[in-house]
Amino acid sequence: MRIGARVGAYIVMTVAHTGFGISKEILDKIFEPFFTTKELGKGSGMGLSTVMAIIKEHDGFITVSSMSH
């Protein structure tokens, strides 16, 4: 259950990968505009913040979990 969720149909999408995972310190920041773990000049940090904005615009939710090493 999610606070603010409305009754209705939702789409559930799951994305998984076999990488190293994301540390707790970084996981808390991944949706912040301009946050990136890439070296200077290699990323804008706008990808996940843009995704979050689109999902929120459609009254959706994102849940992220990671099993970092």
C-alpha atoms as a PDB file:
ATOM      1  CA  MET A   1       0.000   0.000   0.000  1.00  0.00           C
ATOM      2  CA  ARG A   2       1.178   3.520  -0.803  1.00  0.00           C
ATOM      3  CA  ILE A   3       0.130   6.754   0.865  1.00  0.00           C
ATOM      4  CA  GLY A   4      -1.581   8.870  -1.757  1.00  0.00           C
ATOM      5  CA  ALA A   5      -2.344   5.933  -4.052  1.00  0.00           C
ATOM      6  CA  ARG A   6      -5.696   5.995  -5.786  1.00  0.00           C
ATOM      7  CA  VAL A   7      -7.955   3.088  -6.607  1.00  0.00           C
ATOM      8  CA  GLY A   8      -7.487   2.042 -10.207  1.00  0.00           C
ATOM      9  CA  ALA A   9      -5.368   0.119 -12.658  1.00  0.00           C
ATOM     10  CA  TYR A  10      -1.579   0.341 -12.504  1.00  0.00           C
ATOM     11  CA  ILE A  11       1.255  -1.010 -14.602  1.00  0.00           C
ATOM     12  CA  VAL A  12       4.031  -2.855 -12.794  1.00  0.00           C
ATOM     13  CA  MET A  13       7.439  -2.966 -14.421  1.00  0.00           C
ATOM     14  CA  THR A  14      10.430  -4.759 -12.926  1.00  0.00           C
ATOM     15  CA  VAL A  15      13.993  -4.122 -14.037  1.00  0.00           C
ATOM     16  CA  ALA A  16      16.873  -6.266 -12.808  1.00  0.00           C
ATOM     17  CA  HIS A  17      20.547  -6.526 -13.609  1.00  0.00           C
ATOM     18  CA  THR A  18      23.579  -8.547 -12.585  1.00  0.00           C
ATOM     19  CA  GLY A  19      25.826  -5.635 -11.616  1.00  0.00           C
ATOM     20  CA  PHE A  20      27.338  -4.844  -8.232  1.00  0.00           C
ATOM     21  CA  GLY A  21      24.293  -3.074  -6.839  1.00  0.00           C
ATOM     22  CA  ILE A  22      23.946   0.400  -5.367  1.00  0.00           C
ATOM     23  CA  SER A  23      25.174   1.340  -1.896  1.00  0.00           C
ATOM     24  CA  LYS A  24      22.682   2.732   0.622  1.00  0.00           C
ATOM     25  CA  GLU A  25      24.394   6.149   0.541  1.00  0.00           C
ATOM     26  CA  ILE A  26      23.981   6.440  -3.224  1.00  0.00           C
ATOM     27  CA  LEU A  27      20.552   4.773  -3.357  1.00  0.00           C
ATOM     28  CA  ASP A  28      19.117   7.677  -1.346  1.00  0.00           C
ATOM     29  CA  LYS A  29      20.316  10.155  -4.014  1.00  0.00           C
ATOM     30  CA  ILE A  30      19.699   8.475  -7.383  1.00  0.00           C
ATOM     31  CA  PHE A  31      16.577  10.487  -8.234  1.00  0.00           C
ATOM     32  CA  GLU A  32      18.101  13.881  -7.368  1.00  0.00           C
ATOM     33  CA  PRO A  33      18.627  16.166 -10.375  1.00  0.00           C
ATOM     34  CA  PHE A  34      22.269  16.343 -11.485  1.00  0.00           C
ATOM     35  CA  PHE A  35      23.375  13.432  -9.275  1.00  0.00           C
ATOM     36  CA  THR A  36      25.681  11.096 -11.167  1.00  0.00           C
ATOM     37  CA  THR A  37      28.368   8.564 -10.324  1.00  0.00           C
ATOM     38  CA  LYS A  38      30.005   9.076 -13.702  1.00  0.00           C
ATOM     39  CA  GLU A  39      33.197  11.059 -14.077  1.00  0.00           C
ATOM     40  CA  LEU A  40      33.029  14.769 -14.868  1.00  0.00           C
ATOM     41  CA  GLY A  41      31.704  15.408 -18.365  1.00  0.00           C
ATOM     42  CA  LYS A  42      30.372  11.860 -18.824  1.00  0.00           C
ATOM     43  CA  GLY A  43      26.830  12.235 -17.494  1.00  0.00           C
ATOM     44  CA  SER A  44      24.301  14.948 -16.742  1.00  0.00           C
ATOM     45  CA  GLY A  45      22.592  13.244 -13.817  1.00  0.00           C
ATOM     46  CA  MET A  46      19.191  14.006 -15.325  1.00  0.00           C
ATOM     47  CA  GLY A  47      18.114  10.516 -16.417  1.00  0.00           C
ATOM     48  CA  LEU A  48      16.526   9.135 -13.253  1.00  0.00           C
ATOM     49  CA  SER A  49      15.240  12.518 -12.080  1.00  0.00           C
ATOM     50  CA  THR A  50      13.434  12.826 -15.427  1.00  0.00           C
ATOM     51  CA  VAL A  51      12.001   9.316 -15.039  1.00  0.00           C
ATOM     52  CA  MET A  52      10.754  10.211 -11.557  1.00  0.00           C
ATOM     53  CA  ALA A  53       9.112  13.419 -12.828  1.00  0.00           C
ATOM     54  CA  ILE A  54       7.276  11.524 -15.579  1.00  0.00           C
ATOM     55  CA  ILE A  55       6.087   8.804 -13.194  1.00  0.00           C
ATOM     56  CA  LYS A  56       4.866  11.366 -10.635  1.00  0.00           C
ATOM     57  CA  GLU A  57       3.080  13.329 -13.383  1.00  0.00           C
ATOM     58  CA  HIS A  58       1.033  10.187 -14.028  1.00  0.00           C
ATOM     59  CA  ASP A  59       0.354   9.616 -10.301  1.00  0.00           C
ATOM     60  CA  GLY A  60       2.729   6.666 -10.233  1.00  0.00           C
ATOM     61  CA  PHE A  61       5.339   5.354  -7.850  1.00  0.00           C
ATOM     62  CA  ILE A  62       8.864   3.987  -8.072  1.00  0.00           C
ATOM     63  CA  THR A  63      10.356   1.522  -5.628  1.00  0.00           C
ATOM     64  CA  VAL A  64      14.063   0.719  -5.815  1.00  0.00           C
ATOM     65  CA  SER A  65      15.918  -1.989  -3.981  1.00  0.00           C
ATOM     66  CA  SER A  66      19.514  -3.095  -4.240  1.00  0.00           C
ATOM     67  CA  MET A  67      21.584  -5.928  -2.870  1.00  0.00           C
ATOM     68  CA  SER A  68      24.886  -4.069  -2.950  1.00  0.00           C
ATOM     69  CA  HIS A  69      28.081  -5.852  -2.033  1.00  0.00           C
END
